[in-house]
Amino acid sequence: MSHNCLFCKIVAGDIPSKKIYEDELVYAFHDINPQRPVHILVIPKHHLTSLQHASAADEPALGRMLAVAHKLAVEAGSPGGFRVIINNGEIGCQEVPHLHAHVVGGDQPVGPMLKRQA
C-alpha cells in the first residue's frame, strides 16, 4: 500500500467508494464520474503504479482484473458487450498513479476506440 495513493486509500476503507466486488487480489467500484451507463473501475489491491511497472509477480492480479470484468459488466447492465480500457503513463493519459481498468458499457455501442486523425 502507498499511503499517498488515492486508490490504496479506497482499498483500505479510508476513502468511501461504491464497491461492487472484492477478493484477495482485486477491488472493483463504480467510477465517481461515469462516462457511460456502466463504468466500473477494477484495481489490484496491492499498489502497482501502471502496466509499465508490472512484473511476473503481478500476473495473478492482472489476470483476475480481466477475469472479473465480464461478470461485473453483465451484472451492472451490459450483457451485450463492454470495453476494458487501461491508460498507462503520461502519454496514455493515466490520471491516477495506481493501475486501474475502466470497464465501460451499457445498452448502446461505446463508440470508436480512438478519434481518427484527418
C-alpha atoms as a PDB file:
ATOM      1  CA  MET A   1       0.000   0.000   0.000  1.00  0.00           C
ATOM      2  CA  SER A   2       1.136   3.504  -0.799  1.00  0.00           C
ATOM      3  CA  HIS A   3      -0.016   5.943   1.875  1.00  0.00           C
ATOM      4  CA  ASN A   4      -0.324   8.780  -0.655  1.00  0.00           C
ATOM      5  CA  CYS A   5      -2.303   6.792  -3.233  1.00  0.00           C
ATOM      6  CA  LEU A   6      -6.000   7.563  -3.720  1.00  0.00           C
ATOM      7  CA  PHE A   7      -6.874   4.009  -4.766  1.00  0.00           C
ATOM      8  CA  CYS A   8      -4.854   2.423  -1.952  1.00  0.00           C
ATOM      9  CA  LYS A   9      -6.879   4.582   0.461  1.00  0.00           C
ATOM     10  CA  ILE A  10     -10.096   3.335  -1.173  1.00  0.00           C
ATOM     11  CA  VAL A  11      -8.991  -0.310  -0.780  1.00  0.00           C
ATOM     12  CA  ALA A  12      -8.088   0.360   2.878  1.00  0.00           C
ATOM     13  CA  GLY A  13     -11.524   1.889   3.505  1.00  0.00           C
ATOM     14  CA  ASP A  14     -10.095   5.327   4.326  1.00  0.00           C
ATOM     15  CA  ILE A  15     -11.988   6.864   1.389  1.00  0.00           C
ATOM     16  CA  PRO A  16     -15.529   5.662   0.641  1.00  0.00           C
ATOM     17  CA  SER A  17     -16.447   4.019  -2.652  1.00  0.00           C
ATOM     18  CA  LYS A  18     -19.409   2.232  -4.169  1.00  0.00           C
ATOM     19  CA  LYS A  19     -17.785  -1.204  -4.000  1.00  0.00           C
ATOM     20  CA  ILE A  20     -19.223  -3.905  -6.223  1.00  0.00           C
ATOM     21  CA  TYR A  21     -16.587  -6.631  -5.955  1.00  0.00           C
ATOM     22  CA  GLU A  22     -13.656  -7.591  -3.770  1.00  0.00           C
ATOM     23  CA  ASP A  23     -11.498 -10.653  -3.346  1.00  0.00           C
ATOM     24  CA  GLU A  24      -7.946 -11.238  -2.132  1.00  0.00           C
ATOM     25  CA  LEU A  25      -6.407  -9.755  -5.310  1.00  0.00           C
ATOM     26  CA  VAL A  26      -8.693  -7.077  -6.743  1.00  0.00           C
ATOM     27  CA  TYR A  27     -11.198  -4.438  -5.763  1.00  0.00           C
ATOM     28  CA  ALA A  28     -13.914  -3.001  -8.038  1.00  0.00           C
ATOM     29  CA  PHE A  29     -16.119   0.032  -7.622  1.00  0.00           C
ATOM     30  CA  HIS A  30     -18.305   2.423  -9.599  1.00  0.00           C
ATOM     31  CA  ASP A  31     -16.483   5.376 -11.166  1.00  0.00           C
ATOM     32  CA  ILE A  32     -17.426   8.644  -9.429  1.00  0.00           C
ATOM     33  CA  ASN A  33     -17.641  10.406 -12.814  1.00  0.00           C
ATOM     34  CA  PRO A  34     -19.155   7.765 -15.126  1.00  0.00           C
ATOM     35  CA  GLN A  35     -18.725   8.274 -18.848  1.00  0.00           C
ATOM     36  CA  ARG A  36     -21.180   5.507 -19.824  1.00  0.00           C
ATOM     37  CA  PRO A  37     -24.227   3.903 -18.138  1.00  0.00           C
ATOM     38  CA  VAL A  38     -21.844   1.158 -16.976  1.00  0.00           C
ATOM     39  CA  HIS A  39     -18.487   2.497 -15.755  1.00  0.00           C
ATOM     40  CA  ILE A  40     -16.613   0.354 -13.256  1.00  0.00           C
ATOM     41  CA  LEU A  41     -13.010   0.573 -12.088  1.00  0.00           C
ATOM     42  CA  VAL A  42     -11.159  -2.664 -11.328  1.00  0.00           C
ATOM     43  CA  ILE A  43      -7.852  -2.297  -9.479  1.00  0.00           C
ATOM     44  CA  PRO A  44      -5.255  -4.585  -7.916  1.00  0.00           C
ATOM     45  CA  LYS A  45      -5.429  -4.381  -4.137  1.00  0.00           C
ATOM     46  CA  HIS A  46      -1.663  -4.033  -3.875  1.00  0.00           C
ATOM     47  CA  HIS A  47      -0.112  -0.815  -5.124  1.00  0.00           C
ATOM     48  CA  LEU A  48       1.012  -1.090  -8.734  1.00  0.00           C
ATOM     49  CA  THR A  49       1.578   2.220 -10.499  1.00  0.00           C
ATOM     50  CA  SER A  50       0.903   1.048 -14.074  1.00  0.00           C
ATOM     51  CA  LEU A  51       1.471  -1.771 -16.547  1.00  0.00           C
ATOM     52  CA  GLN A  52       4.867  -0.181 -17.158  1.00  0.00           C
ATOM     53  CA  HIS A  53       5.801  -1.289 -13.630  1.00  0.00           C
ATOM     54  CA  ALA A  54       4.224  -4.761 -13.743  1.00  0.00           C
ATOM     55  CA  SER A  55       6.261  -7.906 -13.301  1.00  0.00           C
ATOM     56  CA  ALA A  56       5.607 -11.633 -13.319  1.00  0.00           C
ATOM     57  CA  ALA A  57       4.642 -11.358  -9.647  1.00  0.00           C
ATOM     58  CA  ASP A  58       1.664  -9.196 -10.682  1.00  0.00           C
ATOM     59  CA  GLU A  59       0.247 -11.732 -13.151  1.00  0.00           C
ATOM     60  CA  PRO A  60      -2.342 -13.221 -10.759  1.00  0.00           C
ATOM     61  CA  ALA A  61      -3.887  -9.807 -10.041  1.00  0.00           C
ATOM     62  CA  LEU A  62      -3.702  -8.739 -13.694  1.00  0.00           C
ATOM     63  CA  GLY A  63      -5.436 -11.916 -14.799  1.00  0.00           C
ATOM     64  CA  ARG A  64      -8.090 -11.577 -12.122  1.00  0.00           C
ATOM     65  CA  MET A  65      -8.800  -7.987 -13.196  1.00  0.00           C
ATOM     66  CA  LEU A  66      -9.660  -9.194 -16.679  1.00  0.00           C
ATOM     67  CA  ALA A  67     -11.448 -12.315 -15.497  1.00  0.00           C
ATOM     68  CA  VAL A  68     -13.933 -10.370 -13.368  1.00  0.00           C
ATOM     69  CA  ALA A  69     -14.545  -7.635 -15.992  1.00  0.00           C
ATOM     70  CA  HIS A  70     -17.189  -9.681 -17.846  1.00  0.00           C
ATOM     71  CA  LYS A  71     -19.023 -10.747 -14.698  1.00  0.00           C
ATOM     72  CA  LEU A  72     -19.167  -7.186 -13.395  1.00  0.00           C
ATOM     73  CA  ALA A  73     -20.190  -5.680 -16.753  1.00  0.00           C
ATOM     74  CA  VAL A  74     -23.081  -8.135 -17.143  1.00  0.00           C
ATOM     75  CA  GLU A  75     -24.252  -7.667 -13.560  1.00  0.00           C
ATOM     76  CA  ALA A  76     -24.132  -3.871 -13.988  1.00  0.00           C
ATOM     77  CA  GLY A  77     -26.285  -3.937 -17.141  1.00  0.00           C
ATOM     78  CA  SER A  78     -24.026  -4.521 -20.140  1.00  0.00           C
ATOM     79  CA  PRO A  79     -24.700  -8.134 -21.241  1.00  0.00           C
ATOM     80  CA  GLY A  80     -24.201  -7.340 -24.947  1.00  0.00           C
ATOM     81  CA  GLY A  81     -20.559  -6.370 -24.564  1.00  0.00           C
ATOM     82  CA  PHE A  82     -18.249  -3.848 -22.994  1.00  0.00           C
ATOM     83  CA  ARG A  83     -14.840  -2.235 -23.344  1.00  0.00           C
ATOM     84  CA  VAL A  84     -11.878  -2.519 -20.982  1.00  0.00           C
ATOM     85  CA  ILE A  85      -9.538   0.479 -21.000  1.00  0.00           C
ATOM     86  CA  ILE A  86      -6.207   0.687 -19.177  1.00  0.00           C
ATOM     87  CA  ASN A  87      -4.374   4.001 -19.519  1.00  0.00           C
ATOM     88  CA  ASN A  88      -0.641   3.966 -18.766  1.00  0.00           C
ATOM     89  CA  GLY A  89       1.646   6.865 -18.016  1.00  0.00           C
ATOM     90  CA  GLU A  90       1.533  10.412 -19.284  1.00  0.00           C
ATOM     91  CA  ILE A  91       1.226   9.506 -22.985  1.00  0.00           C
ATOM     92  CA  GLY A  92      -1.617   7.106 -22.158  1.00  0.00           C
ATOM     93  CA  CYS A  93      -3.420   9.832 -20.140  1.00  0.00           C
ATOM     94  CA  GLN A  94      -3.320   7.916 -16.844  1.00  0.00           C
ATOM     95  CA  GLU A  95      -4.793  10.240 -14.202  1.00  0.00           C
ATOM     96  CA  VAL A  96      -4.371   8.181 -11.012  1.00  0.00           C
ATOM     97  CA  PRO A  97      -0.957   6.538 -10.499  1.00  0.00           C
ATOM     98  CA  HIS A  98      -2.401   3.159  -9.460  1.00  0.00           C
ATOM     99  CA  LEU A  99      -3.161   0.651 -12.198  1.00  0.00           C
ATOM    100  CA  HIS A 100      -6.878   0.550 -12.965  1.00  0.00           C
ATOM    101  CA  ALA A 101      -9.079  -0.869 -15.674  1.00  0.00           C
ATOM    102  CA  HIS A 102     -12.156   1.037 -16.769  1.00  0.00           C
ATOM    103  CA  VAL A 103     -14.973  -1.371 -17.675  1.00  0.00           C
ATOM    104  CA  VAL A 104     -17.456   0.641 -19.742  1.00  0.00           C
ATOM    105  CA  GLY A 105     -20.654  -0.306 -21.493  1.00  0.00           C
ATOM    106  CA  GLY A 106     -24.400  -0.105 -21.391  1.00  0.00           C
ATOM    107  CA  ASP A 107     -27.144  -0.673 -23.922  1.00  0.00           C
ATOM    108  CA  GLN A 108     -25.529   1.332 -26.772  1.00  0.00           C
ATOM    109  CA  PRO A 109     -22.171   0.925 -28.564  1.00  0.00           C
ATOM    110  CA  VAL A 110     -19.355   2.713 -26.745  1.00  0.00           C
ATOM    111  CA  GLY A 111     -18.112   4.350 -29.959  1.00  0.00           C
ATOM    112  CA  PRO A 112     -14.787   4.269 -31.765  1.00  0.00           C
ATOM    113  CA  MET A 113     -11.731   3.330 -29.752  1.00  0.00           C
ATOM    114  CA  LEU A 114      -9.757   6.392 -30.862  1.00  0.00           C
ATOM    115  CA  LYS A 115     -10.650   9.505 -32.778  1.00  0.00           C
ATOM    116  CA  ARG A 116      -9.489   9.137 -36.335  1.00  0.00           C
ATOM    117  CA  GLN A 117      -6.912  11.705 -37.343  1.00  0.00           C
ATOM    118  CA  ALA A 118      -7.502  13.589 -40.594  1.00  0.00           C
END
